[in-house]
Amino acid sequence: MELLNNINVERSILSSILYDYTLLEDINTFLNPNDFYLYVHQKIYKVILELYKNDIPIEETFILKKLKKDSISEKALLEIIATTPIANVQVYALEIKEISRKRQINNIINIIKKQLLEETVLSDDLLLLITKEVEQIENDVAVKENTTKEILIELKNDMEKAALNGEIIGQKTGLKALDNIIGAFEDGDLIVVAARPSMGKTSFISAITNKSLEDGRGVLIESLEMPAKKILARLISARSGEYLSDIKKGLIRNRTKFYEAANFFACENLVIHDKTYPTIIQLQSRIKRVLKINKNIKNIFIDHTGKIQLDGKTREDIEIGYITNMLKKIARDFQIRVFLLQQLNRSVETRDNKRPKLSDLKNSGNIEEDADIVLGLYRESYYKTKEKNEYEKDIENAEIIVLKNRDGETRTAKVSFEGKCARFVDKIVVPVVIEYSN
């Protein structure tokens, strides 16, 4: 198609670079060799980039010397040299990039058309193929390599901001004991929150969601197990202090606090999805869609891994590995934080000490490798009351165990858990009542 190439513009861009090599600084951050339509233009541009990177003069002699290895004739280079250079090279380079992306999209369309005729090909396979090909196009941008000097400047700026604020720049949890250990969750982090059922994984979401929104950072909750209405009720309960059971019954003790909490969460910065058992592709697509629409989303919660539909075409640990890789990539690409809630193995229940360990994670090898931080939730009272067939007290001791911390220490944060409000809070010392006998 004529609309999918512009050879004259390609030739003019290359001619302009040969005339003034400094123009590369304006276009090498996005224009790749494969963006050129003609193979010979691809090879010449690639050679120019190699010479530029190695501080070798971008001159006819050096270019021809390298082109001979690829059997490229001198005639093609002479045609470029004879072409009149153009002004505003960056504008024309962006045009070539746009045409290149359209060619790639056209190639995907042709591949899909062929695949659709194959009866054995499933729709999920086609969706996976489309997703991977589209992602490749999105990532097909030449990235300018930062020099050590530029990285040090960025590091220094971060240090100065942290010093000015008196703390690490990032997302705080709102729980002092935990913040004292990890400092803050930083951009690009994949955080795994692991626990047995009923230990408080969703309550932990509430704590960070509340703090994140207070800090002006948006939150996306992918609730794959619990309906959005129940998630919202837990958030309101945790913030207002109203008992979750009372909210369900409509028995509100402090209506002012309740409605203040309800209004706090009625905002565009909080997005909740509650469609169960999405495929990996569906989950990835809807997360990216929200991130592109709402640029203020800085924290994502996935609740939980076990509710993501696996293809079943390979080992479960490999598929879990694909999920964690995908989430880690999203965290880094969008410079946000992704929290993945994960259920621990039942083997925990067989031990006397039921505190979580890294080895208790299902398919722990993949999760351990990709996660920057792994947190384990533990409440001794849950097991004790379960054994005695009793109810837990309103306020119980709880532990958030830092099982892995790529940039810091690993130890236990002592906190409290208020079951009726479904929330973790800073440690509350409950006075011991001593009864004296007469």
Protein backbone atom coordinates (compact mmCIF):
# COMPACT_ATOMS: atom_id res chain seq x y z
CA MET A 1 0.00 0.00 0.00
CA GLU A 2 1.28 3.46 -0.88
CA LEU A 3 -0.06 4.84 2.40
CA LEU A 4 2.16 2.43 4.34
CA ASN A 5 5.50 3.77 3.13
CA ASN A 6 7.17 7.02 2.13
CA ILE A 7 10.54 6.24 0.59
CA ASN A 8 11.32 9.85 -0.35
CA VAL A 9 10.95 11.03 3.24
CA GLU A 10 13.10 8.13 4.46
CA ARG A 11 15.84 9.13 2.04
CA SER A 12 15.59 12.80 3.09
CA ILE A 13 15.89 11.92 6.79
CA LEU A 14 19.04 9.88 6.19
CA SER A 15 20.49 12.65 4.01
CA SER A 16 19.86 15.22 6.75
CA ILE A 17 21.64 13.05 9.33
CA LEU A 18 24.65 12.66 7.05
CA TYR A 19 24.70 16.44 6.65
CA ASP A 20 24.34 17.07 10.41
CA TYR A 21 24.81 14.04 12.69
CA THR A 22 23.62 16.00 15.78
CA LEU A 23 20.07 15.61 14.45
CA LEU A 24 20.24 12.03 15.76
CA GLU A 25 19.81 13.41 19.27
CA ASP A 26 16.27 14.48 18.32
CA ILE A 27 15.13 11.21 16.74
CA ASN A 28 17.13 8.24 18.06
CA THR A 29 14.91 8.09 21.16
CA PHE A 30 11.95 6.83 19.12
CA LEU A 31 13.03 5.95 15.56
CA ASN A 32 14.30 2.38 15.06
CA PRO A 33 15.98 0.85 11.97
CA ASN A 34 12.92 -1.35 11.38
CA ASP A 35 10.76 1.75 11.05
CA PHE A 36 12.22 2.32 7.58
CA TYR A 37 10.38 0.57 4.77
CA LEU A 38 13.32 -0.20 2.46
CA TYR A 39 15.77 -2.82 3.70
CA VAL A 40 18.73 -0.78 2.47
CA HIS A 41 17.51 2.23 4.47
CA GLN A 42 17.17 0.03 7.55
CA LYS A 43 20.79 -1.12 7.21
CA ILE A 44 22.17 2.37 6.60
CA TYR A 45 20.35 3.84 9.60
CA LYS A 46 21.53 0.94 11.77
CA VAL A 47 25.15 1.59 10.73
CA ILE A 48 24.74 5.31 11.45
CA LEU A 49 23.48 4.50 14.98
CA GLU A 50 26.43 2.14 15.58
CA LEU A 51 28.94 4.78 14.46
CA TYR A 52 27.25 7.43 16.58
CA LYS A 53 27.24 5.21 19.69
CA ASN A 54 30.96 4.41 19.28
CA ASP A 55 31.98 8.04 18.57
CA ILE A 56 33.10 7.21 15.04
CA PRO A 57 32.60 9.95 12.41
CA ILE A 58 29.39 9.47 10.43
CA GLU A 59 31.05 9.78 7.04
CA GLU A 60 30.74 7.99 3.72
CA THR A 61 34.01 6.03 4.13
CA PHE A 62 33.11 4.52 7.50
CA ILE A 63 29.51 3.80 6.46
CA LEU A 64 30.55 1.98 3.27
CA LYS A 65 33.09 -0.09 5.17
CA LYS A 66 30.35 -1.48 7.41
CA LEU A 67 27.75 -1.78 4.63
CA LYS A 68 30.02 -4.05 2.57
CA LYS A 69 29.61 -6.71 5.25
CA ASP A 70 25.86 -6.76 4.45
CA SER A 71 26.39 -6.64 0.66
CA ILE A 72 24.80 -3.18 0.39
CA SER A 73 25.89 -1.38 -2.79
CA GLU A 74 27.51 2.04 -2.84
CA LYS A 75 24.77 3.26 -5.21
CA ALA A 76 22.12 3.31 -2.46
CA LEU A 77 24.28 5.50 -0.24
CA LEU A 78 25.12 7.87 -3.10
CA GLU A 79 21.38 8.34 -3.79
CA ILE A 80 20.93 9.43 -0.18
CA ILE A 81 23.91 11.78 -0.26
CA ALA A 82 22.51 13.37 -3.45
CA THR A 83 19.16 14.03 -1.76
CA THR A 84 18.57 17.55 -0.41
CA PRO A 85 18.50 17.67 3.43
CA ILE A 86 15.27 18.84 5.07
CA ALA A 87 14.38 21.09 7.99
CA ASN A 88 12.32 19.85 10.98
CA VAL A 89 13.72 16.31 10.74
CA GLN A 90 11.97 15.30 13.97
CA VAL A 91 8.53 15.99 12.44
CA TYR A 92 9.28 13.81 9.41
CA ALA A 93 10.81 11.09 11.60
CA LEU A 94 7.57 10.97 13.62
CA GLU A 95 5.68 10.57 10.33
CA ILE A 96 7.88 7.57 9.42
CA LYS A 97 7.30 6.12 12.89
CA GLU A 98 3.53 6.47 12.46
CA ILE A 99 3.62 4.77 9.05
CA SER A 100 5.78 1.99 10.50
CA ARG A 101 3.28 1.31 13.30
CA LYS A 102 0.46 1.15 10.74
CA ARG A 103 2.47 -1.42 8.75
CA GLN A 104 2.90 -3.50 11.89
CA ILE A 105 -0.84 -3.30 12.63
CA ASN A 106 -1.57 -4.32 9.05
CA ASN A 107 0.72 -7.33 9.48
CA ILE A 108 -1.20 -8.35 12.62
CA ILE A 109 -4.50 -8.08 10.70
CA ASN A 110 -3.15 -10.35 7.96
CA ILE A 111 -1.89 -12.90 10.50
CA ILE A 112 -5.23 -12.94 12.33
CA LYS A 113 -7.13 -13.36 9.06
CA LYS A 114 -5.10 -16.47 8.29
CA GLN A 115 -5.49 -17.82 11.82
CA LEU A 116 -9.27 -17.34 11.72
CA LEU A 117 -9.48 -19.85 8.89
CA GLU A 118 -7.87 -22.52 11.07
CA GLU A 119 -10.60 -24.50 12.84
CA THR A 120 -8.23 -25.77 15.53
CA VAL A 121 -7.26 -22.26 16.68
CA LEU A 122 -9.24 -21.14 19.76
CA SER A 123 -10.44 -17.57 20.27
CA ASP A 124 -8.38 -17.29 23.49
CA ASP A 125 -5.26 -18.20 21.51
CA LEU A 126 -6.05 -15.45 19.02
CA LEU A 127 -6.62 -12.92 21.81
CA LEU A 128 -3.28 -13.87 23.35
CA LEU A 129 -1.58 -13.50 19.96
CA ILE A 130 -3.18 -10.08 19.38
CA THR A 131 -2.26 -8.91 22.89
CA LYS A 132 1.39 -9.94 22.50
CA GLU A 133 1.71 -8.40 19.03
CA VAL A 134 0.07 -5.13 20.09
CA GLU A 135 2.26 -4.98 23.20
CA GLN A 136 5.31 -5.43 20.99
CA ILE A 137 4.25 -2.44 18.89
CA GLU A 138 3.69 -0.35 22.02
CA ASN A 139 7.15 -1.27 23.31
CA ASP A 140 8.88 -0.75 19.96
CA VAL A 141 10.43 2.55 20.90
CA ALA A 142 14.16 3.14 20.96
CA VAL A 143 15.04 4.27 24.45
CA LYS A 144 17.77 6.79 25.00
CA GLU A 145 20.36 5.32 27.34
CA ASN A 146 20.82 7.45 30.43
CA THR A 147 24.41 8.22 31.28
CA THR A 148 25.71 7.56 34.78
CA LYS A 149 25.79 11.32 35.30
CA GLU A 150 22.06 11.63 34.46
CA ILE A 151 21.17 8.73 36.75
CA LEU A 152 23.18 10.27 39.60
CA ILE A 153 21.33 13.57 39.14
CA GLU A 154 18.00 11.71 39.39
CA LEU A 155 19.23 9.83 42.48
CA LYS A 156 20.39 13.08 44.09
CA ASN A 157 17.01 14.73 43.43
CA ASP A 158 15.23 11.77 45.07
CA MET A 159 17.53 12.02 48.09
CA GLU A 160 16.90 15.75 48.44
CA LYS A 161 13.12 15.24 48.24
CA ALA A 162 13.32 12.49 50.85
CA ALA A 163 15.47 14.68 53.14
CA LEU A 164 13.06 17.58 52.75
CA ASN A 165 10.10 15.37 53.65
CA GLY A 166 12.06 13.52 56.31
CA GLU A 167 11.12 10.14 54.82
CA ILE A 168 11.38 7.89 51.76
CA ILE A 169 9.36 9.11 48.77
CA GLY A 170 6.63 6.61 47.99
CA GLN A 171 3.38 5.13 49.25
CA LYS A 172 3.05 4.86 53.03
CA THR A 173 0.83 2.20 54.58
CA GLY A 174 -0.49 4.34 57.41
CA LEU A 175 0.77 1.70 59.88
CA LYS A 176 3.76 3.19 61.71
CA ALA A 177 5.39 -0.12 62.65
CA LEU A 178 5.34 -1.34 59.04
CA ASP A 179 6.44 2.02 57.61
CA ASN A 180 9.41 1.96 60.02
CA ILE A 181 10.58 -1.28 58.40
CA ILE A 182 9.98 -0.73 54.69
CA GLY A 183 9.99 3.07 54.59
CA ALA A 184 7.50 3.22 51.73
CA PHE A 185 6.36 1.25 48.71
CA GLU A 186 8.13 2.80 45.72
CA ASP A 187 7.24 3.28 42.04
CA GLY A 188 7.69 0.08 40.04
CA ASP A 189 7.27 -2.20 43.07
CA LEU A 190 5.40 -5.51 42.94
CA ILE A 191 4.23 -6.25 46.49
CA VAL A 192 2.84 -9.68 47.41
CA VAL A 193 0.53 -9.89 50.45
CA ALA A 194 0.29 -13.51 51.56
CA ALA A 195 -1.94 -15.15 54.17
CA ARG A 196 -4.33 -17.97 54.90
CA PRO A 197 -8.08 -17.31 54.42
CA SER A 198 -9.77 -14.96 56.96
CA MET A 199 -6.42 -13.55 58.09
CA GLY A 200 -7.15 -10.04 56.78
CA LYS A 201 -5.82 -9.68 53.22
CA THR A 202 -8.78 -7.53 52.16
CA SER A 203 -8.52 -5.50 55.38
CA PHE A 204 -4.90 -4.75 54.50
CA ILE A 205 -6.14 -3.40 51.13
CA SER A 206 -8.45 -1.06 53.07
CA ALA A 207 -5.60 0.42 55.09
CA ILE A 208 -3.43 1.28 52.09
CA THR A 209 -6.38 2.39 49.93
CA ASN A 210 -7.42 4.83 52.64
CA LYS A 211 -3.87 6.24 52.98
CA SER A 212 -3.36 6.38 49.22
CA LEU A 213 -6.52 8.40 48.62
CA GLU A 214 -5.63 10.72 51.51
CA ASP A 215 -2.29 11.33 49.77
CA GLY A 216 -4.08 12.18 46.51
CA ARG A 217 -3.10 8.95 44.73
CA GLY A 218 -5.71 6.96 42.83
CA VAL A 219 -6.45 3.27 43.49
CA LEU A 220 -7.65 0.44 41.26
CA ILE A 221 -8.98 -2.65 43.06
CA GLU A 222 -9.36 -5.80 41.00
CA SER A 223 -11.64 -7.71 43.37
CA LEU A 224 -11.82 -11.15 41.78
CA GLU A 225 -13.49 -12.78 44.78
CA MET A 226 -15.69 -10.21 46.52
CA PRO A 227 -18.41 -7.97 44.94
CA ALA A 228 -17.58 -4.27 44.66
CA LYS A 229 -20.40 -3.38 47.07
CA LYS A 230 -18.83 -5.50 49.82
CA ILE A 231 -15.40 -4.01 49.18
CA LEU A 232 -16.87 -0.51 49.46
CA ALA A 233 -18.69 -1.44 52.69
CA ARG A 234 -15.38 -2.65 54.17
CA LEU A 235 -13.61 0.56 53.14
CA ILE A 236 -16.32 2.70 54.75
CA SER A 237 -16.31 0.54 57.90
CA ALA A 238 -12.52 0.78 58.24
CA ARG A 239 -12.50 4.57 57.80
CA SER A 240 -15.58 5.43 59.87
CA GLY A 241 -15.13 2.89 62.67
CA GLU A 242 -18.68 1.62 62.15
CA TYR A 243 -19.00 -2.13 62.60
CA LEU A 244 -19.30 -3.98 59.32
CA SER A 245 -22.18 -6.07 60.65
CA ASP A 246 -24.05 -2.91 61.72
CA ILE A 247 -23.64 -1.36 58.26
CA LYS A 248 -25.25 -4.46 56.75
CA LYS A 249 -28.16 -4.11 59.17
CA GLY A 250 -28.45 -0.34 58.74
CA LEU A 251 -27.64 0.24 62.42
CA ILE A 252 -25.30 3.22 62.18
CA ARG A 253 -24.03 4.66 65.49
CA ASN A 254 -22.43 7.85 64.14
CA ARG A 255 -24.11 8.94 60.93
CA THR A 256 -21.83 11.97 60.49
CA LYS A 257 -18.68 9.83 60.41
CA PHE A 258 -20.37 7.23 58.25
CA TYR A 259 -21.42 9.70 55.55
CA GLU A 260 -18.06 11.50 55.69
CA ALA A 261 -16.40 8.14 54.96
CA ALA A 262 -18.92 7.30 52.23
CA ASN A 263 -18.35 10.68 50.53
CA PHE A 264 -14.58 10.23 50.84
CA PHE A 265 -14.70 7.04 48.74
CA ALA A 266 -17.22 8.46 46.24
CA CYS A 267 -14.49 9.78 43.96
CA GLU A 268 -12.99 9.24 40.51
CA ASN A 269 -9.68 8.21 42.07
CA LEU A 270 -11.16 4.92 43.30
CA VAL A 271 -12.00 2.28 40.68
CA ILE A 272 -13.29 -1.19 41.64
CA HIS A 273 -13.67 -4.10 39.21
CA ASP A 274 -15.41 -7.22 40.50
CA LYS A 275 -15.69 -9.50 37.46
CA THR A 276 -14.66 -12.95 38.64
CA TYR A 277 -12.22 -15.38 37.01
CA PRO A 278 -10.79 -13.16 34.27
CA THR A 279 -8.19 -14.66 31.97
CA ILE A 280 -4.68 -13.25 32.17
CA ILE A 281 -5.33 -11.36 28.92
CA GLN A 282 -8.61 -9.87 30.17
CA LEU A 283 -7.01 -8.78 33.44
CA GLN A 284 -4.07 -7.18 31.66
CA SER A 285 -6.31 -5.39 29.15
CA ARG A 286 -8.69 -3.86 31.69
CA ILE A 287 -5.84 -2.74 33.98
CA LYS A 288 -4.08 -0.98 31.10
CA ARG A 289 -7.35 0.57 29.94
CA VAL A 290 -7.94 2.14 33.37
CA LEU A 291 -4.33 3.36 33.62
CA LYS A 292 -4.54 5.08 30.25
CA ILE A 293 -7.85 6.77 31.14
CA ASN A 294 -7.01 7.75 34.73
CA LYS A 295 -3.39 8.93 34.96
CA ASN A 296 -3.76 9.42 38.72
CA ILE A 297 -4.01 5.68 39.52
CA LYS A 298 -0.82 4.90 41.46
CA ASN A 299 -1.76 1.73 43.38
CA ILE A 300 -3.36 -1.44 42.04
CA PHE A 301 -4.63 -4.35 44.14
CA ILE A 302 -5.27 -7.83 42.69
CA ASP A 303 -7.41 -9.94 45.03
CA HIS A 304 -6.29 -12.67 44.49
CA THR A 305 -4.07 -14.90 42.29
CA GLY A 306 -6.23 -17.99 42.78
CA LYS A 307 -9.18 -16.26 41.09
CA ILE A 308 -7.35 -15.62 37.81
CA GLN A 309 -8.33 -18.09 35.12
CA LEU A 310 -5.31 -20.08 33.92
CA ASP A 311 -5.10 -21.61 30.43
CA GLY A 312 -4.13 -25.02 31.76
CA LYS A 313 -1.88 -25.63 28.75
CA THR A 314 1.30 -25.74 30.82
CA ARG A 315 2.37 -26.16 34.44
CA GLU A 316 0.59 -23.97 36.95
CA ASP A 317 3.83 -22.47 38.28
CA ILE A 318 4.76 -21.33 34.75
CA GLU A 319 1.37 -19.65 34.28
CA ILE A 320 1.61 -18.00 37.72
CA GLY A 321 5.06 -16.82 36.62
CA TYR A 322 3.48 -15.18 33.55
CA ILE A 323 0.99 -13.37 35.83
CA THR A 324 3.70 -12.01 38.14
CA ASN A 325 5.89 -11.04 35.16
CA MET A 326 2.97 -9.19 33.59
CA LEU A 327 2.12 -7.34 36.82
CA LYS A 328 5.76 -6.44 37.45
CA LYS A 329 6.02 -5.06 33.90
CA ILE A 330 2.89 -2.94 34.42
CA ALA A 331 4.32 -1.58 37.68
CA ARG A 332 7.58 -0.59 35.99
CA ASP A 333 6.12 0.68 32.69
CA PHE A 334 3.55 2.92 34.40
CA GLN A 335 5.76 3.71 37.44
CA ILE A 336 3.10 2.64 39.93
CA ARG A 337 2.78 0.01 42.67
CA VAL A 338 0.99 -3.30 42.16
CA PHE A 339 -0.18 -5.37 45.16
CA LEU A 340 -0.86 -9.04 44.51
CA LEU A 341 -2.80 -10.92 47.18
CA GLN A 342 -1.79 -14.55 47.44
CA GLN A 343 -3.12 -17.48 49.46
CA LEU A 344 -0.67 -19.60 51.45
CA ASN A 345 -0.42 -23.39 51.22
CA ARG A 346 -2.49 -25.49 53.62
CA SER A 347 0.74 -26.91 55.03
CA VAL A 348 0.76 -23.86 57.34
CA GLU A 349 -2.11 -25.42 59.30
CA THR A 350 -0.10 -28.55 60.11
CA ARG A 351 2.67 -26.63 61.94
CA ASP A 352 2.71 -25.59 65.60
CA ASN A 353 4.09 -22.19 64.54
CA LYS A 354 1.66 -21.01 61.90
CA ARG A 355 3.46 -17.80 61.03
CA PRO A 356 3.88 -17.59 57.23
CA LYS A 357 7.18 -18.36 55.50
CA LEU A 358 8.24 -17.70 51.91
CA SER A 359 8.12 -21.45 51.28
CA ASP A 360 4.39 -21.41 52.12
CA LEU A 361 3.58 -19.45 48.96
CA LYS A 362 1.95 -21.46 46.21
CA ASN A 363 4.44 -21.71 43.35
CA SER A 364 6.72 -19.60 45.55
CA GLY A 365 9.69 -19.73 43.18
CA ASN A 366 8.04 -17.47 40.58
CA ILE A 367 6.47 -15.10 43.08
CA GLU A 368 9.64 -14.75 45.16
CA GLU A 369 11.68 -13.90 42.07
CA ASP A 370 9.42 -11.14 40.73
CA ALA A 371 8.23 -9.58 44.00
CA ASP A 372 10.11 -6.63 45.46
CA ILE A 373 8.38 -7.03 48.83
CA VAL A 374 6.53 -10.01 50.31
CA LEU A 375 4.35 -9.48 53.40
CA GLY A 376 2.83 -12.28 55.49
CA LEU A 377 -0.22 -11.62 57.68
CA TYR A 378 -0.64 -13.47 60.97
CA ARG A 379 -3.10 -13.34 63.87
CA GLU A 380 -2.49 -15.80 66.68
CA SER A 381 -5.91 -15.04 68.15
CA TYR A 382 -7.58 -16.47 65.03
CA TYR A 383 -6.09 -19.90 65.65
CA LYS A 384 -6.55 -19.85 69.44
CA THR A 385 -10.23 -18.90 69.30
CA LYS A 386 -10.77 -21.43 66.51
CA GLU A 387 -9.36 -24.22 68.70
CA LYS A 388 -11.52 -23.20 71.66
CA ASN A 389 -14.56 -22.49 69.47
CA GLU A 390 -14.71 -18.91 70.81
CA TYR A 391 -15.12 -15.46 69.25
CA GLU A 392 -12.19 -13.09 68.81
CA LYS A 393 -12.12 -9.92 70.92
CA ASP A 394 -12.89 -6.53 69.38
CA ILE A 395 -9.17 -5.72 69.30
CA GLU A 396 -6.54 -8.43 68.84
CA ASN A 397 -2.79 -8.44 68.31
CA ALA A 398 -1.65 -8.98 64.74
CA GLU A 399 1.63 -9.29 62.88
CA ILE A 400 2.67 -8.15 59.43
CA ILE A 401 5.82 -10.12 58.70
CA VAL A 402 8.18 -8.68 56.06
CA LEU A 403 9.29 -11.95 54.43
CA LYS A 404 11.19 -10.30 51.61
CA ASN A 405 12.40 -6.75 51.13
CA ARG A 406 14.64 -6.21 48.14
CA ASP A 407 15.90 -2.84 49.40
CA GLY A 408 15.79 -3.25 53.16
CA GLU A 409 15.40 -5.34 56.25
CA THR A 410 13.03 -8.20 57.03
CA ARG A 411 11.33 -8.28 60.40
CA THR A 412 7.88 -8.20 61.95
CA ALA A 413 5.59 -5.19 62.38
CA LYS A 414 3.43 -5.50 65.52
CA VAL A 415 -0.02 -4.02 64.88
CA SER A 416 -3.60 -4.48 66.04
CA PHE A 417 -6.61 -5.87 64.20
CA GLU A 418 -10.18 -4.67 64.71
CA GLY A 419 -12.29 -7.43 63.26
CA LYS A 420 -15.64 -5.66 63.56
CA CYS A 421 -14.33 -2.77 61.45
CA ALA A 422 -12.24 -5.03 59.20
CA ARG A 423 -9.08 -2.98 59.65
CA PHE A 424 -5.45 -3.09 60.72
CA VAL A 425 -4.41 -0.18 62.96
CA ASP A 426 -1.35 0.92 64.91
CA LYS A 427 -0.65 -1.19 67.98
CA ILE A 428 -3.27 -0.67 70.69
CA VAL A 429 -2.25 -1.69 74.22
CA VAL A 430 -5.25 -3.29 75.85
CA PRO A 431 -5.16 -2.82 79.63
CA VAL A 432 -5.09 -6.04 81.62
CA VAL A 433 -7.83 -6.23 84.23
CA ILE A 434 -6.65 -7.99 87.40
CA GLU A 435 -9.36 -9.42 89.58
CA TYR A 436 -8.66 -9.67 93.31
CA SER A 437 -10.38 -12.27 95.42
CA ASN A 438 -11.63 -11.45 98.84
